[in-house]
All heavy atoms as atom14 arrays in JSON, in Angstrom:
{
  "sequence": "VWRLLTGRLGWSLQRPERRAVERDESEIARWIAHEWPRIK",
  "atom14_mask": [
    [1, 1, 1, 1, 1, 1, 1, 0, 0, 0, 0, 0, 0, 0],
    [1, 1, 1, 1, 1, 1, 1, 1, 1, 1, 1, 1, 1, 1],
    [1, 1, 1, 1, 1, 1, 1, 1, 1, 1, 1, 0, 0, 0],
    [1, 1, 1, 1, 1, 1, 1, 1, 0, 0, 0, 0, 0, 0],
    [1, 1, 1, 1, 1, 1, 1, 1, 0, 0, 0, 0, 0, 0],
    [1, 1, 1, 1, 1, 1, 1, 0, 0, 0, 0, 0, 0, 0],
    [1, 1, 1, 1, 0, 0, 0, 0, 0, 0, 0, 0, 0, 0],
    [1, 1, 1, 1, 1, 1, 1, 1, 1, 1, 1, 0, 0, 0],
    [1, 1, 1, 1, 1, 1, 1, 1, 0, 0, 0, 0, 0, 0],
    [1, 1, 1, 1, 0, 0, 0, 0, 0, 0, 0, 0, 0, 0],
    [1, 1, 1, 1, 1, 1, 1, 1, 1, 1, 1, 1, 1, 1],
    [1, 1, 1, 1, 1, 1, 0, 0, 0, 0, 0, 0, 0, 0],
    [1, 1, 1, 1, 1, 1, 1, 1, 0, 0, 0, 0, 0, 0],
    [1, 1, 1, 1, 1, 1, 1, 1, 1, 0, 0, 0, 0, 0],
    [1, 1, 1, 1, 1, 1, 1, 1, 1, 1, 1, 0, 0, 0],
    [1, 1, 1, 1, 1, 1, 1, 0, 0, 0, 0, 0, 0, 0],
    [1, 1, 1, 1, 1, 1, 1, 1, 1, 0, 0, 0, 0, 0],
    [1, 1, 1, 1, 1, 1, 1, 1, 1, 1, 1, 0, 0, 0],
    [1, 1, 1, 1, 1, 1, 1, 1, 1, 1, 1, 0, 0, 0],
    [1, 1, 1, 1, 1, 0, 0, 0, 0, 0, 0, 0, 0, 0],
    [1, 1, 1, 1, 1, 1, 1, 0, 0, 0, 0, 0, 0, 0],
    [1, 1, 1, 1, 1, 1, 1, 1, 1, 0, 0, 0, 0, 0],
    [1, 1, 1, 1, 1, 1, 1, 1, 1, 1, 1, 0, 0, 0],
    [1, 1, 1, 1, 1, 1, 1, 1, 0, 0, 0, 0, 0, 0],
    [1, 1, 1, 1, 1, 1, 1, 1, 1, 0, 0, 0, 0, 0],
    [1, 1, 1, 1, 1, 1, 0, 0, 0, 0, 0, 0, 0, 0],
    [1, 1, 1, 1, 1, 1, 1, 1, 1, 0, 0, 0, 0, 0],
    [1, 1, 1, 1, 1, 1, 1, 1, 0, 0, 0, 0, 0, 0],
    [1, 1, 1, 1, 1, 0, 0, 0, 0, 0, 0, 0, 0, 0],
    [1, 1, 1, 1, 1, 1, 1, 1, 1, 1, 1, 0, 0, 0],
    [1, 1, 1, 1, 1, 1, 1, 1, 1, 1, 1, 1, 1, 1],
    [1, 1, 1, 1, 1, 1, 1, 1, 0, 0, 0, 0, 0, 0],
    [1, 1, 1, 1, 1, 0, 0, 0, 0, 0, 0, 0, 0, 0],
    [1, 1, 1, 1, 1, 1, 1, 1, 1, 1, 0, 0, 0, 0],
    [1, 1, 1, 1, 1, 1, 1, 1, 1, 0, 0, 0, 0, 0],
    [1, 1, 1, 1, 1, 1, 1, 1, 1, 1, 1, 1, 1, 1],
    [1, 1, 1, 1, 1, 1, 1, 0, 0, 0, 0, 0, 0, 0],
    [1, 1, 1, 1, 1, 1, 1, 1, 1, 1, 1, 0, 0, 0],
    [1, 1, 1, 1, 1, 1, 1, 1, 0, 0, 0, 0, 0, 0],
    [1, 1, 1, 1, 1, 1, 1, 1, 1, 0, 0, 0, 0, 0]
  ],
  "atom14_positions": [
    [[228.13, 123.43, 213.93], [228.28, 124.0, 212.5], [228.82, 125.42, 212.61], [229.73, 125.88, 211.93], [226.97, 123.89, 211.76], [227.09, 124.69, 210.42], [226.63, 122.47, 211.42], [0.0, 0.0, 0.0], [0.0, 0.0, 0.0], [0.0, 0.0, 0.0], [0.0, 0.0, 0.0], [0.0, 0.0, 0.0], [0.0, 0.0, 0.0], [0.0, 0.0, 0.0]],
    [[228.16, 126.3, 213.52], [228.61, 127.62, 213.73], [230.1, 127.74, 214.09], [230.9, 128.55, 213.67], [227.69, 128.37, 214.7], [228.07, 129.7, 215.05], [228.61, 130.26, 216.01], [227.89, 130.84, 213.95], [228.78, 131.75, 215.85], [228.31, 132.03, 214.57], [227.39, 130.86, 212.6], [228.37, 133.21, 213.96], [227.33, 132.1, 212.02], [228.0, 133.28, 212.69]],
    [[230.48, 126.8, 215.14], [231.93, 126.93, 215.49], [232.81, 126.52, 214.25], [233.87, 127.1, 214.16], [232.1, 125.95, 216.67], [231.77, 126.65, 218.04], [232.13, 125.73, 219.15], [231.73, 124.26, 219.15], [230.59, 123.96, 219.74], [229.88, 124.78, 220.28], [230.26, 122.68, 219.6], [0.0, 0.0, 0.0], [0.0, 0.0, 0.0], [0.0, 0.0, 0.0]],
    [[232.37, 125.51, 213.55], [233.17, 125.22, 212.41], [233.41, 126.3, 211.36], [234.38, 126.61, 210.93], [232.55, 123.88, 211.66], [233.2, 123.37, 210.44], [234.65, 122.86, 210.6], [232.38, 122.43, 209.71], [0.0, 0.0, 0.0], [0.0, 0.0, 0.0], [0.0, 0.0, 0.0], [0.0, 0.0, 0.0], [0.0, 0.0, 0.0], [0.0, 0.0, 0.0]],
    [[232.23, 126.89, 211.02], [232.26, 128.04, 210.13], [233.13, 129.3, 210.6], [233.85, 129.81, 209.79], [230.89, 128.47, 209.75], [229.94, 127.45, 208.96], [228.6, 128.0, 208.75], [230.67, 127.15, 207.58], [0.0, 0.0, 0.0], [0.0, 0.0, 0.0], [0.0, 0.0, 0.0], [0.0, 0.0, 0.0], [0.0, 0.0, 0.0], [0.0, 0.0, 0.0]],
    [[232.91, 129.67, 211.84], [233.44, 130.89, 212.35], [234.96, 130.57, 212.85], [235.89, 131.32, 212.49], [232.75, 131.52, 213.39], [232.57, 130.55, 214.47], [231.33, 131.97, 213.04], [0.0, 0.0, 0.0], [0.0, 0.0, 0.0], [0.0, 0.0, 0.0], [0.0, 0.0, 0.0], [0.0, 0.0, 0.0], [0.0, 0.0, 0.0], [0.0, 0.0, 0.0]],
    [[235.12, 129.47, 213.5], [236.53, 129.2, 214.0], [237.49, 128.71, 213.15], [238.58, 129.29, 212.84], [0.0, 0.0, 0.0], [0.0, 0.0, 0.0], [0.0, 0.0, 0.0], [0.0, 0.0, 0.0], [0.0, 0.0, 0.0], [0.0, 0.0, 0.0], [0.0, 0.0, 0.0], [0.0, 0.0, 0.0], [0.0, 0.0, 0.0], [0.0, 0.0, 0.0]],
    [[237.12, 127.59, 212.46], [238.14, 126.96, 211.45], [238.17, 127.69, 210.08], [239.24, 127.7, 209.45], [237.76, 125.55, 211.27], [238.13, 124.79, 212.54], [238.11, 123.27, 212.29], [238.62, 122.48, 213.36], [238.62, 121.21, 213.49], [238.44, 120.56, 212.32], [238.96, 120.63, 214.54], [0.0, 0.0, 0.0], [0.0, 0.0, 0.0], [0.0, 0.0, 0.0]],
    [[237.03, 128.06, 209.63], [236.84, 128.59, 208.22], [237.06, 130.14, 208.15], [237.12, 130.67, 207.17], [235.7, 128.19, 207.54], [235.58, 126.7, 207.43], [234.11, 126.26, 206.76], [236.71, 126.04, 206.6], [0.0, 0.0, 0.0], [0.0, 0.0, 0.0], [0.0, 0.0, 0.0], [0.0, 0.0, 0.0], [0.0, 0.0, 0.0], [0.0, 0.0, 0.0]],
    [[236.91, 130.77, 209.33], [236.98, 132.22, 209.41], [235.84, 132.97, 208.87], [235.93, 134.17, 208.54], [0.0, 0.0, 0.0], [0.0, 0.0, 0.0], [0.0, 0.0, 0.0], [0.0, 0.0, 0.0], [0.0, 0.0, 0.0], [0.0, 0.0, 0.0], [0.0, 0.0, 0.0], [0.0, 0.0, 0.0], [0.0, 0.0, 0.0], [0.0, 0.0, 0.0]],
    [[234.78, 132.37, 208.73], [233.44, 133.0, 208.26], [232.95, 134.01, 209.37], [233.41, 133.84, 210.52], [232.38, 132.1, 207.94], [232.57, 131.37, 206.6], [233.83, 131.11, 206.07], [231.71, 130.67, 205.86], [233.72, 130.43, 204.8], [232.36, 130.15, 204.71], [230.29, 130.56, 205.91], [231.67, 129.38, 203.78], [229.63, 130.03, 204.9], [230.35, 129.25, 203.85]],
    [[232.16, 134.96, 209.05], [231.62, 135.87, 209.93], [230.15, 136.23, 209.51], [229.76, 136.06, 208.44], [232.43, 137.21, 209.97], [232.44, 137.86, 208.81], [0.0, 0.0, 0.0], [0.0, 0.0, 0.0], [0.0, 0.0, 0.0], [0.0, 0.0, 0.0], [0.0, 0.0, 0.0], [0.0, 0.0, 0.0], [0.0, 0.0, 0.0], [0.0, 0.0, 0.0]],
    [[229.39, 136.72, 210.52], [228.02, 137.01, 210.26], [227.96, 138.33, 209.46], [228.61, 139.3, 209.92], [227.26, 137.22, 211.59], [225.77, 137.68, 211.42], [224.92, 136.56, 210.73], [225.23, 137.86, 212.81], [0.0, 0.0, 0.0], [0.0, 0.0, 0.0], [0.0, 0.0, 0.0], [0.0, 0.0, 0.0], [0.0, 0.0, 0.0], [0.0, 0.0, 0.0]],
    [[227.39, 138.28, 208.23], [227.32, 139.57, 207.47], [225.89, 139.77, 207.13], [225.16, 138.98, 206.8], [228.03, 139.28, 206.15], [229.6, 139.02, 206.43], [230.35, 138.81, 205.1], [229.87, 138.98, 204.03], [231.62, 138.33, 205.18], [0.0, 0.0, 0.0], [0.0, 0.0, 0.0], [0.0, 0.0, 0.0], [0.0, 0.0, 0.0], [0.0, 0.0, 0.0]],
    [[225.61, 141.1, 207.04], [224.25, 141.62, 206.82], [224.34, 142.46, 205.73], [225.28, 143.32, 205.59], [223.58, 142.28, 208.05], [223.46, 141.43, 209.18], [222.91, 142.08, 210.41], [223.07, 141.31, 211.63], [222.01, 140.61, 212.07], [220.93, 140.54, 211.48], [222.17, 139.77, 213.24], [0.0, 0.0, 0.0], [0.0, 0.0, 0.0], [0.0, 0.0, 0.0]],
    [[223.39, 142.34, 204.69], [223.49, 143.28, 203.57], [223.26, 144.65, 203.84], [222.58, 145.04, 204.95], [222.32, 142.73, 202.65], [221.46, 142.05, 203.56], [222.31, 141.47, 204.72], [0.0, 0.0, 0.0], [0.0, 0.0, 0.0], [0.0, 0.0, 0.0], [0.0, 0.0, 0.0], [0.0, 0.0, 0.0], [0.0, 0.0, 0.0], [0.0, 0.0, 0.0]],
    [[223.7, 145.72, 203.15], [223.47, 147.01, 203.33], [222.05, 147.31, 203.16], [221.38, 146.62, 202.37], [224.32, 147.88, 202.36], [225.76, 147.85, 202.56], [226.16, 148.57, 203.92], [225.61, 149.56, 204.21], [227.06, 148.01, 204.66], [0.0, 0.0, 0.0], [0.0, 0.0, 0.0], [0.0, 0.0, 0.0], [0.0, 0.0, 0.0], [0.0, 0.0, 0.0]],
    [[221.51, 148.4, 203.65], [220.09, 148.62, 203.37], [219.78, 148.96, 201.87], [218.82, 148.51, 201.3], [219.76, 149.91, 204.15], [219.58, 149.6, 205.65], [218.29, 148.9, 205.88], [217.97, 148.93, 207.27], [216.9, 148.05, 207.63], [216.25, 147.3, 206.74], [216.65, 147.97, 208.86], [0.0, 0.0, 0.0], [0.0, 0.0, 0.0], [0.0, 0.0, 0.0]],
    [[220.6, 149.74, 201.26], [220.35, 150.22, 199.8], [221.76, 149.92, 199.08], [222.79, 150.22, 199.63], [220.12, 151.64, 199.74], [218.65, 151.98, 200.37], [217.63, 151.6, 199.54], [216.37, 151.83, 200.25], [215.23, 152.04, 199.58], [215.16, 151.92, 198.26], [214.17, 152.23, 200.24], [0.0, 0.0, 0.0], [0.0, 0.0, 0.0], [0.0, 0.0, 0.0]],
    [[221.59, 149.53, 197.94], [222.87, 149.39, 197.09], [223.4, 150.75, 196.72], [222.75, 151.75, 196.55], [222.46, 148.71, 195.75], [0.0, 0.0, 0.0], [0.0, 0.0, 0.0], [0.0, 0.0, 0.0], [0.0, 0.0, 0.0], [0.0, 0.0, 0.0], [0.0, 0.0, 0.0], [0.0, 0.0, 0.0], [0.0, 0.0, 0.0], [0.0, 0.0, 0.0]],
    [[224.77, 150.89, 196.67], [225.36, 152.18, 196.39], [225.07, 152.57, 194.93], [224.92, 153.71, 194.79], [226.9, 151.94, 196.58], [227.61, 153.18, 196.11], [227.25, 151.64, 198.07], [0.0, 0.0, 0.0], [0.0, 0.0, 0.0], [0.0, 0.0, 0.0], [0.0, 0.0, 0.0], [0.0, 0.0, 0.0], [0.0, 0.0, 0.0], [0.0, 0.0, 0.0]],
    [[224.85, 151.55, 194.09], [224.58, 151.96, 192.65], [223.23, 152.34, 192.3], [222.89, 152.52, 191.3], [224.95, 150.69, 191.87], [226.39, 150.18, 191.91], [226.66, 149.32, 193.21], [225.62, 148.89, 193.78], [227.83, 148.82, 193.39], [0.0, 0.0, 0.0], [0.0, 0.0, 0.0], [0.0, 0.0, 0.0], [0.0, 0.0, 0.0], [0.0, 0.0, 0.0]],
    [[222.34, 152.16, 193.39], [220.86, 152.47, 193.2], [220.61, 153.84, 192.61], [221.11, 154.84, 193.08], [220.2, 152.4, 194.52], [218.77, 152.45, 194.42], [218.1, 152.14, 195.91], [216.78, 152.45, 195.95], [215.81, 151.54, 195.85], [216.15, 150.25, 195.75], [214.5, 151.81, 195.95], [0.0, 0.0, 0.0], [0.0, 0.0, 0.0], [0.0, 0.0, 0.0]],
    [[219.91, 153.94, 191.48], [219.61, 155.11, 190.77], [218.08, 155.44, 190.92], [217.29, 154.82, 190.35], [219.91, 154.97, 189.36], [219.76, 156.24, 188.55], [219.35, 157.3, 188.99], [220.07, 156.12, 187.31], [0.0, 0.0, 0.0], [0.0, 0.0, 0.0], [0.0, 0.0, 0.0], [0.0, 0.0, 0.0], [0.0, 0.0, 0.0], [0.0, 0.0, 0.0]],
    [[217.91, 156.36, 191.98], [216.44, 156.64, 192.35], [215.7, 157.17, 191.17], [214.48, 156.91, 190.95], [216.36, 157.54, 193.53], [216.98, 157.02, 194.81], [216.25, 155.85, 195.37], [215.08, 155.78, 195.07], [216.77, 155.19, 196.07], [0.0, 0.0, 0.0], [0.0, 0.0, 0.0], [0.0, 0.0, 0.0], [0.0, 0.0, 0.0], [0.0, 0.0, 0.0]],
    [[216.28, 158.1, 190.29], [215.62, 158.71, 189.15], [215.29, 157.55, 188.08], [214.17, 157.64, 187.47], [216.37, 159.82, 188.51], [217.57, 159.25, 187.98], [0.0, 0.0, 0.0], [0.0, 0.0, 0.0], [0.0, 0.0, 0.0], [0.0, 0.0, 0.0], [0.0, 0.0, 0.0], [0.0, 0.0, 0.0], [0.0, 0.0, 0.0], [0.0, 0.0, 0.0]],
    [[216.03, 156.53, 187.81], [215.79, 155.58, 187.02], [214.71, 154.62, 187.52], [213.81, 154.28, 186.76], [217.05, 154.67, 186.66], [216.86, 153.59, 185.68], [216.38, 154.02, 184.36], [216.53, 155.15, 183.86], [215.83, 153.21, 183.59], [0.0, 0.0, 0.0], [0.0, 0.0, 0.0], [0.0, 0.0, 0.0], [0.0, 0.0, 0.0], [0.0, 0.0, 0.0]],
    [[214.72, 154.49, 188.79], [213.63, 153.68, 189.45], [212.25, 154.3, 189.33], [211.32, 153.68, 188.87], [213.96, 153.38, 190.82], [215.14, 152.5, 190.94], [212.76, 152.74, 191.6], [215.75, 152.28, 192.44], [0.0, 0.0, 0.0], [0.0, 0.0, 0.0], [0.0, 0.0, 0.0], [0.0, 0.0, 0.0], [0.0, 0.0, 0.0], [0.0, 0.0, 0.0]],
    [[212.25, 155.63, 189.56], [210.98, 156.4, 189.38], [210.6, 156.35, 187.98], [209.25, 156.17, 187.58], [211.23, 157.86, 189.79], [0.0, 0.0, 0.0], [0.0, 0.0, 0.0], [0.0, 0.0, 0.0], [0.0, 0.0, 0.0], [0.0, 0.0, 0.0], [0.0, 0.0, 0.0], [0.0, 0.0, 0.0], [0.0, 0.0, 0.0], [0.0, 0.0, 0.0]],
    [[211.45, 156.43, 186.99], [211.09, 156.36, 185.56], [210.52, 155.14, 185.24], [209.49, 154.93, 184.62], [212.24, 156.63, 184.7], [211.91, 156.7, 183.19], [213.07, 156.41, 182.25], [213.65, 155.13, 182.34], [212.96, 153.91, 181.95], [211.9, 153.95, 181.22], [213.51, 152.73, 182.16], [0.0, 0.0, 0.0], [0.0, 0.0, 0.0], [0.0, 0.0, 0.0]],
    [[211.05, 153.99, 185.71], [210.58, 152.7, 185.45], [209.22, 152.55, 185.94], [208.42, 151.93, 185.26], [211.6, 151.61, 186.05], [211.24, 150.1, 185.6], [211.7, 149.53, 184.48], [210.45, 149.3, 186.3], [211.16, 148.26, 184.41], [210.37, 148.15, 185.6], [209.79, 149.4, 187.44], [209.7, 147.01, 186.02], [208.95, 148.25, 187.85], [208.84, 147.07, 187.12]],
    [[208.97, 152.89, 187.23], [207.73, 152.75, 187.91], [206.6, 153.56, 186.98], [205.5, 153.1, 186.91], [207.71, 153.23, 189.36], [208.52, 152.17, 190.13], [206.44, 153.3, 189.92], [208.81, 152.62, 191.65], [0.0, 0.0, 0.0], [0.0, 0.0, 0.0], [0.0, 0.0, 0.0], [0.0, 0.0, 0.0], [0.0, 0.0, 0.0], [0.0, 0.0, 0.0]],
    [[206.91, 154.7, 186.6], [206.07, 155.57, 185.87], [205.74, 155.04, 184.48], [204.64, 155.15, 184.0], [206.64, 156.96, 185.84], [0.0, 0.0, 0.0], [0.0, 0.0, 0.0], [0.0, 0.0, 0.0], [0.0, 0.0, 0.0], [0.0, 0.0, 0.0], [0.0, 0.0, 0.0], [0.0, 0.0, 0.0], [0.0, 0.0, 0.0], [0.0, 0.0, 0.0]],
    [[206.73, 154.56, 183.78], [206.6, 154.14, 182.39], [206.4, 152.6, 182.17], [205.66, 152.17, 181.34], [207.63, 154.81, 181.55], [207.64, 156.31, 181.62], [206.85, 157.1, 181.0], [208.6, 157.11, 182.2], [207.02, 158.34, 181.2], [208.2, 158.39, 182.01], [0.0, 0.0, 0.0], [0.0, 0.0, 0.0], [0.0, 0.0, 0.0], [0.0, 0.0, 0.0]],
    [[207.22, 151.92, 182.59], [207.46, 150.52, 182.37], [206.36, 149.65, 183.16], [205.79, 148.75, 182.53], [208.76, 149.93, 182.61], [209.9, 150.53, 181.8], [209.69, 150.36, 180.27], [209.24, 149.34, 179.88], [209.94, 151.3, 179.49], [0.0, 0.0, 0.0], [0.0, 0.0, 0.0], [0.0, 0.0, 0.0], [0.0, 0.0, 0.0], [0.0, 0.0, 0.0]],
    [[206.27, 149.94, 184.37], [205.39, 149.12, 185.19], [203.89, 149.05, 184.76], [203.3, 148.13, 184.68], [205.56, 149.52, 186.71], [204.56, 148.84, 187.6], [203.65, 149.29, 188.45], [204.5, 147.28, 187.81], [202.98, 148.25, 189.04], [203.6, 147.05, 188.74], [205.22, 146.14, 187.3], [203.23, 145.73, 189.13], [204.96, 144.91, 187.5], [203.89, 144.68, 188.53]],
    [[203.4, 150.3, 184.42], [201.95, 150.28, 183.98], [201.79, 149.49, 182.63], [200.71, 148.86, 182.5], [201.74, 151.79, 183.7], [202.67, 152.53, 184.64], [203.76, 151.75, 184.64], [0.0, 0.0, 0.0], [0.0, 0.0, 0.0], [0.0, 0.0, 0.0], [0.0, 0.0, 0.0], [0.0, 0.0, 0.0], [0.0, 0.0, 0.0], [0.0, 0.0, 0.0]],
    [[202.81, 149.61, 181.85], [202.76, 148.85, 180.55], [202.77, 147.27, 180.88], [202.03, 146.48, 180.28], [203.94, 149.13, 179.63], [203.98, 148.37, 178.29], [205.15, 148.77, 177.54], [206.47, 148.41, 178.28], [207.06, 147.16, 178.23], [206.38, 146.23, 177.78], [208.2, 147.14, 178.82], [0.0, 0.0, 0.0], [0.0, 0.0, 0.0], [0.0, 0.0, 0.0]],
    [[203.68, 146.85, 181.8], [203.72, 145.41, 182.19], [202.48, 145.05, 182.89], [201.87, 143.94, 182.62], [204.93, 145.28, 183.06], [206.26, 145.42, 182.31], [204.91, 143.78, 183.65], [207.5, 145.54, 183.21], [0.0, 0.0, 0.0], [0.0, 0.0, 0.0], [0.0, 0.0, 0.0], [0.0, 0.0, 0.0], [0.0, 0.0, 0.0], [0.0, 0.0, 0.0]],
    [[201.85, 145.79, 183.69], [200.75, 145.55, 184.45], [199.5, 145.36, 183.59], [198.62, 144.53, 183.82], [200.53, 146.69, 185.52], [199.45, 146.15, 186.67], [199.46, 147.37, 187.71], [198.53, 146.98, 188.66], [198.39, 148.01, 189.74], [0.0, 0.0, 0.0], [0.0, 0.0, 0.0], [0.0, 0.0, 0.0], [0.0, 0.0, 0.0], [0.0, 0.0, 0.0]]
  ]
}
């Protein structure tokens, strides 16, 4: 299966980035401080 995917179909092993480029740390902190306690 690996040979089929890599050789014939041209797939490659890909790993996700550690953090999304769009990640907004200040918005995450706000959500944790205000929304999470309300949900909890």
